[in-house]
C-alpha atoms as a PDB file:
ATOM      1  CA  MET A   1      18.229  21.709  40.673  1.00  0.00           C
ATOM      2  CA  LEU A   2      17.788  23.441  37.397  1.00  0.00           C
ATOM      3  CA  ALA A   3      15.460  26.236  39.039  1.00  0.00           C
ATOM      4  CA  GLY A   4      16.199  29.697  38.069  1.00  0.00           C
ATOM      5  CA  LYS A   5      19.885  28.410  36.414  1.00  0.00           C
ATOM      6  CA  ARG A   6      20.383  29.622  33.025  1.00  0.00           C
ATOM      7  CA  VAL A   7      21.861  26.936  30.337  1.00  0.00           C
ATOM      8  CA  ALA A   8      23.538  27.325  27.298  1.00  0.00           C
ATOM      9  CA  PHE A   9      24.246  24.661  24.500  1.00  0.00           C
ATOM     10  CA  ILE A  10      27.486  25.462  22.623  1.00  0.00           C
ATOM     11  CA  GLY A  11      26.153  23.518  19.410  1.00  0.00           C
ATOM     12  CA  GLY A  12      22.546  22.784  18.625  1.00  0.00           C
ATOM     13  CA  GLY A  13      22.954  19.238  17.247  1.00  0.00           C
ATOM     14  CA  ASN A  14      20.796  15.902  18.028  1.00  0.00           C
ATOM     15  CA  MET A  15      22.312  15.622  21.760  1.00  0.00           C
ATOM     16  CA  SER A  16      21.595  18.906  22.588  1.00  0.00           C
ATOM     17  CA  GLU A  17      17.828  18.771  21.593  1.00  0.00           C
ATOM     18  CA  ALA A  18      17.559  15.502  23.287  1.00  0.00           C
ATOM     19  CA  LEU A  19      18.651  17.542  26.656  1.00  0.00           C
ATOM     20  CA  ILE A  20      16.489  20.505  25.842  1.00  0.00           C
ATOM     21  CA  ALA A  21      13.494  18.233  25.048  1.00  0.00           C
ATOM     22  CA  GLY A  22      13.876  16.483  28.121  1.00  0.00           C
ATOM     23  CA  ILE A  23      14.427  19.231  30.333  1.00  0.00           C
ATOM     24  CA  LEU A  24      11.445  21.354  29.158  1.00  0.00           C
ATOM     25  CA  GLN A  25       8.997  17.873  29.253  1.00  0.00           C
ATOM     26  CA  GLY A  26      10.502  16.987  32.637  1.00  0.00           C
ATOM     27  CA  ALA A  27       9.629  20.651  33.579  1.00  0.00           C
ATOM     28  CA  SER A  28      13.126  20.934  35.050  1.00  0.00           C
ATOM     29  CA  ALA A  29      13.287  24.461  33.790  1.00  0.00           C
ATOM     30  CA  ARG A  30      11.365  26.903  31.748  1.00  0.00           C
ATOM     31  CA  PRO A  31      12.344  28.014  27.490  1.00  0.00           C
ATOM     32  CA  ASP A  32      13.796  31.308  28.344  1.00  0.00           C
ATOM     33  CA  GLN A  33      16.227  29.803  31.053  1.00  0.00           C
ATOM     34  CA  LEU A  34      17.847  27.823  27.703  1.00  0.00           C
ATOM     35  CA  ALA A  35      19.733  28.898  25.086  1.00  0.00           C
ATOM     36  CA  ALA A  36      21.177  27.271  22.135  1.00  0.00           C
ATOM     37  CA  SER A  37      24.098  28.238  19.625  1.00  0.00           C
ATOM     38  CA  ASP A  38      24.414  26.699  15.930  1.00  0.00           C
ATOM     39  CA  ILE A  39      26.199  27.769  12.730  1.00  0.00           C
ATOM     40  CA  LEU A  40      23.591  26.500  10.832  1.00  0.00           C
ATOM     41  CA  SER A  41      20.840  29.185  10.572  1.00  0.00           C
ATOM     42  CA  THR A  42      18.221  26.304   9.655  1.00  0.00           C
ATOM     43  CA  ARG A  43      18.977  24.687  12.792  1.00  0.00           C
ATOM     44  CA  ARG A  44      18.776  27.559  15.331  1.00  0.00           C
ATOM     45  CA  ASP A  45      15.198  28.518  13.340  1.00  0.00           C
ATOM     46  CA  TYR A  46      14.273  24.958  14.304  1.00  0.00           C
ATOM     47  CA  LEU A  47      15.115  24.802  17.939  1.00  0.00           C
ATOM     48  CA  LYS A  48      13.726  28.127  18.389  1.00  0.00           C
ATOM     49  CA  SER A  49      10.198  27.452  16.689  1.00  0.00           C
ATOM     50  CA  THR A  50      10.009  24.132  18.076  1.00  0.00           C
ATOM     51  CA  TYR A  51      11.478  24.447  21.744  1.00  0.00           C
ATOM     52  CA  HIS A  52      11.111  28.447  22.078  1.00  0.00           C
ATOM     53  CA  ILE A  53      14.525  28.994  23.589  1.00  0.00           C
ATOM     54  CA  ASP A  54      16.904  31.748  22.561  1.00  0.00           C
ATOM     55  CA  THR A  55      19.153  30.436  19.592  1.00  0.00           C
ATOM     56  CA  LEU A  56      22.318  32.507  18.744  1.00  0.00           C
ATOM     57  CA  ALA A  57      24.814  32.022  15.780  1.00  0.00           C
ATOM     58  CA  ASP A  58      27.776  33.651  18.221  1.00  0.00           C
ATOM     59  CA  ASN A  59      29.008  30.905  20.965  1.00  0.00           C
ATOM     60  CA  ARG A  60      30.438  33.510  22.880  1.00  0.00           C
ATOM     61  CA  GLU A  61      27.014  35.205  23.182  1.00  0.00           C
ATOM     62  CA  ALA A  62      25.275  32.330  23.989  1.00  0.00           C
ATOM     63  CA  ALA A  63      27.942  31.249  27.030  1.00  0.00           C
ATOM     64  CA  ARG A  64      27.915  34.847  28.368  1.00  0.00           C
ATOM     65  CA  GLY A  65      26.559  35.027  32.080  1.00  0.00           C
ATOM     66  CA  ARG A  66      24.922  31.450  31.859  1.00  0.00           C
ATOM     67  CA  ASP A  67      25.341  29.420  34.867  1.00  0.00           C
ATOM     68  CA  ILE A  68      25.735  25.840  32.996  1.00  0.00           C
ATOM     69  CA  ILE A  69      27.586  25.680  29.607  1.00  0.00           C
ATOM     70  CA  VAL A  70      26.982  22.235  27.746  1.00  0.00           C
ATOM     71  CA  LEU A  71      29.525  21.643  25.095  1.00  0.00           C
ATOM     72  CA  SER A  72      27.937  19.695  22.579  1.00  0.00           C
ATOM     73  CA  VAL A  73      30.033  20.181  19.535  1.00  0.00           C
ATOM     74  CA  GLU A  74      32.108  17.310  17.635  1.00  0.00           C
ATOM     75  CA  PRO A  75      35.490  16.366  19.642  1.00  0.00           C
ATOM     76  CA  GLN A  76      37.651  18.040  16.404  1.00  0.00           C
ATOM     77  CA  VAL A  77      36.226  21.288  16.890  1.00  0.00           C
ATOM     78  CA  LEU A  78      35.909  21.503  20.905  1.00  0.00           C
ATOM     79  CA  ASP A  79      39.259  23.223  20.867  1.00  0.00           C
ATOM     80  CA  CYS A  80      37.912  26.063  18.905  1.00  0.00           C
ATOM     81  CA  ALA A  81      34.945  26.425  20.385  1.00  0.00           C
ATOM     82  CA  MET A  82      36.206  26.611  23.791  1.00  0.00           C
ATOM     83  CA  THR A  83      38.772  29.191  22.603  1.00  0.00           C
ATOM     84  CA  GLU A  84      36.022  31.360  21.350  1.00  0.00           C
ATOM     85  CA  ILE A  85      34.022  31.352  24.401  1.00  0.00           C
ATOM     86  CA  ALA A  86      36.898  31.182  26.915  1.00  0.00           C
ATOM     87  CA  PRO A  87      37.014  35.153  27.406  1.00  0.00           C
ATOM     88  CA  VAL A  88      33.525  35.023  28.734  1.00  0.00           C
ATOM     89  CA  VAL A  89      33.714  31.743  30.758  1.00  0.00           C
ATOM     90  CA  GLY A  90      34.323  32.490  34.547  1.00  0.00           C
ATOM     91  CA  PRO A  91      34.804  30.485  37.991  1.00  0.00           C
ATOM     92  CA  GLY A  92      30.930  30.786  38.655  1.00  0.00           C
ATOM     93  CA  GLN A  93      29.852  28.710  35.702  1.00  0.00           C
ATOM     94  CA  LEU A  94      29.686  24.603  35.541  1.00  0.00           C
ATOM     95  CA  LEU A  95      30.902  23.316  32.765  1.00  0.00           C
ATOM     96  CA  ILE A  96      29.640  20.095  31.134  1.00  0.00           C
ATOM     97  CA  SER A  97      31.320  18.300  27.799  1.00  0.00           C
ATOM     98  CA  VAL A  98      29.662  15.617  25.684  1.00  0.00           C
ATOM     99  CA  ALA A  99      32.686  15.514  23.720  1.00  0.00           C
ATOM    100  CA  ALA A 100      33.901  11.675  23.298  1.00  0.00           C
ATOM    101  CA  GLY A 101      37.341  11.105  24.493  1.00  0.00           C
ATOM    102  CA  TYR A 102      38.379  14.686  25.392  1.00  0.00           C
ATOM    103  CA  PRO A 103      39.441  14.931  28.917  1.00  0.00           C
ATOM    104  CA  ILE A 104      38.667  16.826  31.636  1.00  0.00           C
ATOM    105  CA  ALA A 105      42.020  18.484  32.526  1.00  0.00           C
ATOM    106  CA  ARG A 106      42.333  19.689  28.792  1.00  0.00           C
ATOM    107  CA  ILE A 107      38.743  21.717  29.148  1.00  0.00           C
ATOM    108  CA  ALA A 108      39.932  23.002  32.864  1.00  0.00           C
ATOM    109  CA  ASN A 109      43.160  24.115  31.128  1.00  0.00           C
ATOM    110  CA  VAL A 110      41.600  25.931  28.217  1.00  0.00           C
ATOM    111  CA  LEU A 111      39.117  27.638  30.338  1.00  0.00           C
ATOM    112  CA  ASN A 112      40.639  28.233  33.175  1.00  0.00           C
ATOM    113  CA  ALA A 113      37.648  26.013  35.000  1.00  0.00           C
ATOM    114  CA  ALA A 114      39.704  23.881  37.365  1.00  0.00           C
ATOM    115  CA  GLY A 115      37.003  22.433  39.832  1.00  0.00           C
ATOM    116  CA  ARG A 116      33.947  22.693  37.788  1.00  0.00           C
ATOM    117  CA  VAL A 117      34.214  20.493  34.973  1.00  0.00           C
ATOM    118  CA  VAL A 118      31.883  17.283  34.072  1.00  0.00           C
ATOM    119  CA  ARG A 119      32.459  15.002  31.364  1.00  0.00           C
ATOM    120  CA  ALA A 120      29.570  12.981  29.902  1.00  0.00           C
ATOM    121  CA  MET A 121      28.819   9.947  27.938  1.00  0.00           C
ATOM    122  CA  PRO A 122      25.127   9.905  26.627  1.00  0.00           C
ATOM    123  CA  ASN A 123      23.991   7.460  24.085  1.00  0.00           C
ATOM    124  CA  THR A 124      21.446   8.008  21.200  1.00  0.00           C
ATOM    125  CA  PRO A 125      18.482   6.494  23.243  1.00  0.00           C
ATOM    126  CA  SER A 126      18.485   9.848  24.795  1.00  0.00           C
ATOM    127  CA  ILE A 127      16.529  10.982  21.891  1.00  0.00           C
ATOM    128  CA  VAL A 128      13.540   8.789  23.135  1.00  0.00           C
ATOM    129  CA  ARG A 129      14.248   9.583  26.757  1.00  0.00           C
ATOM    130  CA  GLU A 130      15.697   6.099  27.612  1.00  0.00           C
ATOM    131  CA  GLY A 131      19.274   6.974  27.195  1.00  0.00           C
ATOM    132  CA  MET A 132      22.214   5.991  29.773  1.00  0.00           C
ATOM    133  CA  THR A 133      24.657   8.725  30.573  1.00  0.00           C
ATOM    134  CA  ALA A 134      28.116   8.154  32.152  1.00  0.00           C
ATOM    135  CA  LEU A 135      29.325  11.031  34.268  1.00  0.00           C
ATOM    136  CA  SER A 136      33.027  11.818  35.506  1.00  0.00           C
ATOM    137  CA  TYR A 137      33.922  14.921  37.466  1.00  0.00           C
ATOM    138  CA  SER A 138      36.798  17.211  38.189  1.00  0.00           C
ATOM    139  CA  GLU A 139      38.488  16.643  41.352  1.00  0.00           C
ATOM    140  CA  GLY A 140      36.845  18.771  44.419  1.00  0.00           C
ATOM    141  CA  LEU A 141      33.640  19.302  42.372  1.00  0.00           C
ATOM    142  CA  SER A 142      30.858  20.093  44.868  1.00  0.00           C
ATOM    143  CA  ASP A 143      28.027  18.098  46.118  1.00  0.00           C
ATOM    144  CA  GLN A 144      25.833  20.768  44.805  1.00  0.00           C
ATOM    145  CA  ASP A 145      27.404  20.858  41.020  1.00  0.00           C
ATOM    146  CA  ARG A 146      27.238  16.882  41.216  1.00  0.00           C
ATOM    147  CA  THR A 147      23.542  17.123  41.780  1.00  0.00           C
ATOM    148  CA  THR A 148      23.270  19.848  38.919  1.00  0.00           C
ATOM    149  CA  ALA A 149      24.813  18.042  36.583  1.00  0.00           C
ATOM    150  CA  ARG A 150      22.786  14.815  36.841  1.00  0.00           C
ATOM    151  CA  ALA A 151      19.636  17.187  36.590  1.00  0.00           C
ATOM    152  CA  VAL A 152      20.710  18.142  33.309  1.00  0.00           C
ATOM    153  CA  PHE A 153      20.719  14.051  32.022  1.00  0.00           C
ATOM    154  CA  GLU A 154      18.246  12.393  34.090  1.00  0.00           C
ATOM    155  CA  PRO A 155      15.670  13.631  32.116  1.00  0.00           C
ATOM    156  CA  ILE A 156      16.645  11.746  28.997  1.00  0.00           C
ATOM    157  CA  GLY A 157      17.542   8.504  31.036  1.00  0.00           C
ATOM    158  CA  LYS A 158      19.349   6.777  33.380  1.00  0.00           C
ATOM    159  CA  VAL A 159      22.992   8.253  34.910  1.00  0.00           C
ATOM    160  CA  VAL A 160      25.807   6.232  36.618  1.00  0.00           C
ATOM    161  CA  GLU A 161      28.960   8.286  37.991  1.00  0.00           C
ATOM    162  CA  ILE A 162      32.438   6.590  37.246  1.00  0.00           C
ATOM    163  CA  GLU A 163      36.152   7.685  37.405  1.00  0.00           C
ATOM    164  CA  GLU A 164      37.324   9.313  34.375  1.00  0.00           C
ATOM    165  CA  ARG A 165      39.779   6.623  33.573  1.00  0.00           C
ATOM    166  CA  LEU A 166      36.611   4.587  32.798  1.00  0.00           C
ATOM    167  CA  MET A 167      35.124   6.497  30.405  1.00  0.00           C
ATOM    168  CA  ASP A 168      36.551   4.939  27.243  1.00  0.00           C
ATOM    169  CA  ALA A 169      34.727   1.685  28.758  1.00  0.00           C
ATOM    170  CA  ALA A 170      31.774   3.414  29.094  1.00  0.00           C
ATOM    171  CA  THR A 171      31.851   4.820  25.925  1.00  0.00           C
ATOM    172  CA  ALA A 172      32.349   1.128  24.297  1.00  0.00           C
ATOM    173  CA  LEU A 173      29.583  -0.151  26.167  1.00  0.00           C
ATOM    174  CA  SER A 174      26.618   2.152  26.484  1.00  0.00           C
ATOM    175  CA  GLY A 175      27.921   4.598  23.757  1.00  0.00           C
ATOM    176  CA  SER A 176      28.228   1.868  20.924  1.00  0.00           C
ATOM    177  CA  GLY A 177      26.215  -0.400  22.465  1.00  0.00           C
ATOM    178  CA  PRO A 178      22.680   0.523  21.008  1.00  0.00           C
ATOM    179  CA  ALA A 179      24.474  -0.472  17.407  1.00  0.00           C
ATOM    180  CA  TYR A 180      25.272  -4.005  18.969  1.00  0.00           C
ATOM    181  CA  VAL A 181      21.686  -4.150  20.175  1.00  0.00           C
ATOM    182  CA  PHE A 182      20.239  -3.127  16.818  1.00  0.00           C
ATOM    183  CA  VAL A 183      22.100  -5.896  14.948  1.00  0.00           C
ATOM    184  CA  ILE A 184      20.657  -8.327  17.712  1.00  0.00           C
ATOM    185  CA  ILE A 185      17.201  -6.945  17.105  1.00  0.00           C
ATOM    186  CA  GLU A 186      17.394  -7.218  13.163  1.00  0.00           C
ATOM    187  CA  ALA A 187      19.343 -10.910  13.601  1.00  0.00           C
ATOM    188  CA  LEU A 188      16.535 -12.321  15.858  1.00  0.00           C
ATOM    189  CA  ALA A 189      13.610 -10.675  13.232  1.00  0.00           C
ATOM    190  CA  ASP A 190      15.915 -12.423  10.496  1.00  0.00           C
ATOM    191  CA  GLY A 191      15.260 -15.525  12.342  1.00  0.00           C
ATOM    192  CA  GLY A 192      11.515 -15.065  12.283  1.00  0.00           C
ATOM    193  CA  VAL A 193      11.176 -13.995   8.723  1.00  0.00           C
ATOM    194  CA  LYS A 194      13.145 -17.213   7.885  1.00  0.00           C
ATOM    195  CA  MET A 195      10.607 -19.195  10.123  1.00  0.00           C
ATOM    196  CA  GLY A 196       7.727 -17.440   8.375  1.00  0.00           C
ATOM    197  CA  LEU A 197       6.799 -14.450  10.151  1.00  0.00           C
ATOM    198  CA  PRO A 198       6.233 -11.141   8.136  1.00  0.00           C
ATOM    199  CA  ARG A 199       8.814  -8.459   8.608  1.00  0.00           C
ATOM    200  CA  GLN A 200       6.842  -5.914  10.300  1.00  0.00           C
ATOM    201  CA  ALA A 201       5.680  -8.350  12.913  1.00  0.00           C
ATOM    202  CA  ALA A 202       9.208 -10.298  13.393  1.00  0.00           C
ATOM    203  CA  GLU A 203      10.898  -6.632  14.236  1.00  0.00           C
ATOM    204  CA  SER A 204       8.137  -5.714  16.576  1.00  0.00           C
ATOM    205  CA  LEU A 205       8.575  -8.990  18.577  1.00  0.00           C
ATOM    206  CA  ALA A 206      12.204  -8.863  18.736  1.00  0.00           C
ATOM    207  CA  ALA A 207      12.604  -5.099  19.541  1.00  0.00           C
ATOM    208  CA  GLN A 208       9.707  -5.115  22.474  1.00  0.00           C
ATOM    209  CA  THR A 209      11.347  -8.728  23.452  1.00  0.00           C
ATOM    210  CA  VAL A 210      14.576  -6.634  24.045  1.00  0.00           C
ATOM    211  CA  LEU A 211      12.570  -3.971  25.419  1.00  0.00           C
ATOM    212  CA  GLY A 212      10.894  -5.912  27.946  1.00  0.00           C
ATOM    213  CA  ALA A 213      13.906  -8.285  29.096  1.00  0.00           C
ATOM    214  CA  ALA A 214      15.909  -4.804  29.835  1.00  0.00           C
ATOM    215  CA  LYS A 215      12.812  -3.320  31.910  1.00  0.00           C
ATOM    216  CA  MET A 216      12.615  -6.727  33.653  1.00  0.00           C
ATOM    217  CA  LEU A 217      16.299  -7.013  34.656  1.00  0.00           C
ATOM    218  CA  LEU A 218      16.194  -3.297  35.701  1.00  0.00           C
ATOM    219  CA  ASP A 219      13.206  -3.292  37.823  1.00  0.00           C
ATOM    220  CA  THR A 220      14.261  -6.572  39.308  1.00  0.00           C
ATOM    221  CA  GLY A 221      17.712  -6.037  40.047  1.00  0.00           C
ATOM    222  CA  GLU A 222      18.349  -9.993  39.450  1.00  0.00           C
ATOM    223  CA  HIS A 223      21.565 -10.975  37.728  1.00  0.00           C
ATOM    224  CA  PRO A 224      20.735 -11.539  34.094  1.00  0.00           C
ATOM    225  CA  GLY A 225      22.192 -15.467  34.520  1.00  0.00           C
ATOM    226  CA  ARG A 226      19.463 -15.852  36.636  1.00  0.00           C
ATOM    227  CA  LEU A 227      16.668 -14.518  34.691  1.00  0.00           C
ATOM    228  CA  LYS A 228      17.915 -16.497  31.680  1.00  0.00           C
ATOM    229  CA  ASP A 229      17.856 -19.718  33.632  1.00  0.00           C
ATOM    230  CA  ARG A 230      13.893 -18.868  34.931  1.00  0.00           C
ATOM    231  CA  VAL A 231      13.005 -18.718  30.525  1.00  0.00           C
ATOM    232  CA  ALA A 232      15.160 -22.098  30.054  1.00  0.00           C
ATOM    233  CA  SER A 233      13.128 -24.961  31.008  1.00  0.00           C
ATOM    234  CA  SER A 234      14.532 -28.246  31.063  1.00  0.00           C
ATOM    235  CA  GLY A 235      14.454 -30.047  27.313  1.00  0.00           C
ATOM    236  CA  GLY A 236      12.963 -26.957  26.242  1.00  0.00           C
ATOM    237  CA  THR A 237      12.890 -24.657  23.370  1.00  0.00           C
ATOM    238  CA  THR A 238      14.873 -21.855  24.658  1.00  0.00           C
ATOM    239  CA  ILE A 239      17.792 -24.150  25.959  1.00  0.00           C
ATOM    240  CA  ALA A 240      18.005 -25.504  22.154  1.00  0.00           C
ATOM    241  CA  GLY A 241      18.529 -21.717  21.317  1.00  0.00           C
ATOM    242  CA  LEU A 242      20.555 -20.973  23.935  1.00  0.00           C
ATOM    243  CA  GLN A 243      23.208 -23.690  22.863  1.00  0.00           C
ATOM    244  CA  LYS A 244      23.147 -22.594  19.167  1.00  0.00           C
ATOM    245  CA  LEU A 245      24.535 -18.970  20.845  1.00  0.00           C
ATOM    246  CA  GLU A 246      27.089 -20.846  22.543  1.00  0.00           C
ATOM    247  CA  GLU A 247      28.107 -22.504  19.528  1.00  0.00           C
ATOM    248  CA  GLY A 248      28.353 -19.167  17.619  1.00  0.00           C
ATOM    249  CA  ARG A 249      30.294 -17.705  20.351  1.00  0.00           C
ATOM    250  CA  LEU A 250      27.751 -14.800  21.099  1.00  0.00           C
ATOM    251  CA  ARG A 251      29.147 -13.846  24.509  1.00  0.00           C
ATOM    252  CA  ALA A 252      32.772 -13.528  23.196  1.00  0.00           C
ATOM    253  CA  ALA A 253      31.888 -11.658  20.623  1.00  0.00           C
ATOM    254  CA  LEU A 254      29.869  -9.005  22.512  1.00  0.00           C
ATOM    255  CA  ILE A 255      32.724  -8.876  24.945  1.00  0.00           C
ATOM    256  CA  SER A 256      35.110  -8.588  22.427  1.00  0.00           C
ATOM    257  CA  ALA A 257      33.231  -5.936  20.623  1.00  0.00           C
ATOM    258  CA  VAL A 258      33.196  -3.612  23.975  1.00  0.00           C
ATOM    259  CA  GLU A 259      36.832  -4.340  24.232  1.00  0.00           C
ATOM    260  CA  ALA A 260      37.712  -3.125  20.712  1.00  0.00           C
ATOM    261  CA  ALA A 261      35.547  -0.327  20.836  1.00  0.00           C
ATOM    262  CA  ALA A 262      37.229   0.898  24.313  1.00  0.00           C
ATOM    263  CA  LYS A 263      40.632   0.646  22.726  1.00  0.00           C
ATOM    264  CA  ARG A 264      39.633   2.408  19.706  1.00  0.00           C
ATOM    265  CA  SER A 265      38.105   5.128  21.771  1.00  0.00           C
ATOM    266  CA  HIS A 266      41.203   5.703  23.651  1.00  0.00           C
ATOM    267  CA  GLU A 267      43.365   5.881  20.045  1.00  0.00           C
ATOM    268  CA  LEU A 268      40.520   8.432  19.107  1.00  0.00           C
ATOM    269  CA  GLY A 269      41.552  10.882  22.005  1.00  0.00           C
ATOM    270  CA  ARG A 270      44.954  10.233  21.349  1.00  0.00           C
ATOM    271  CA  GLU A 271      44.641  11.118  17.601  1.00  0.00           C
ATOM    272  CA  TRP A 272      42.957  14.278  18.199  1.00  0.00           C
ATOM    273  CA  PHE A 273      45.266  15.580  20.355  1.00  0.00           C
ATOM    274  CA  ASP A 274      48.591  14.651  18.537  1.00  0.00           C
ATOM    275  CA  HIS A 275      47.329  17.087  15.773  1.00  0.00           C
END
């Protein structure tokens, strides 16, 4: 659904690069359809030489005449970026924001774009094209625009559509989630090292085990509890380990982590708009 569409990325950071790389590697668009703006000349030069796309220092010129504008700057500077591009934004352009905590209504108001705004929350594994992106849509967004928005993010992983009121929860789970998983992988590897494994081998064993378990869950569609039970045989090693996880309240700790992160996401959104 990106065939022939011209896409501008306002902000040329890591997430924009992940999207650009995914779109190009997936052959969803050609380099001459993409442009990115950034204040750093070194970043512009890198994106241009690596992906052969157009790069600009001026956000307004990057956005002018584009079919899709991806707002990929930090939330605290998004108002400034939107004010800059507002004179060239029209009703024919689809606006996609990846700024955490920034509501659709505010974007639509600043850019006079009621009905054509998408709010996205991709996560860092998008960089290796194994990301998870949550999408929310402005009221009345057409099916074609929804398909187009999905086409921007599907090259870098999986996409789920949710109501905007659930974005803080999605941010806490999939946005912050990779950090929780990295801690789990590190701890598993430390356990292996404690029991005599070399560090590199322990980290490889832990990381691939997590990757394989996640893929097994996604591919089979089975409940994680049932998959867990298939590993934990009666009187075996796994059930002994699971007992220790229960004693350590691993489940409760992870649930609390998501809850705390969701509350903080909500607080940050309010803080940015109170200033």
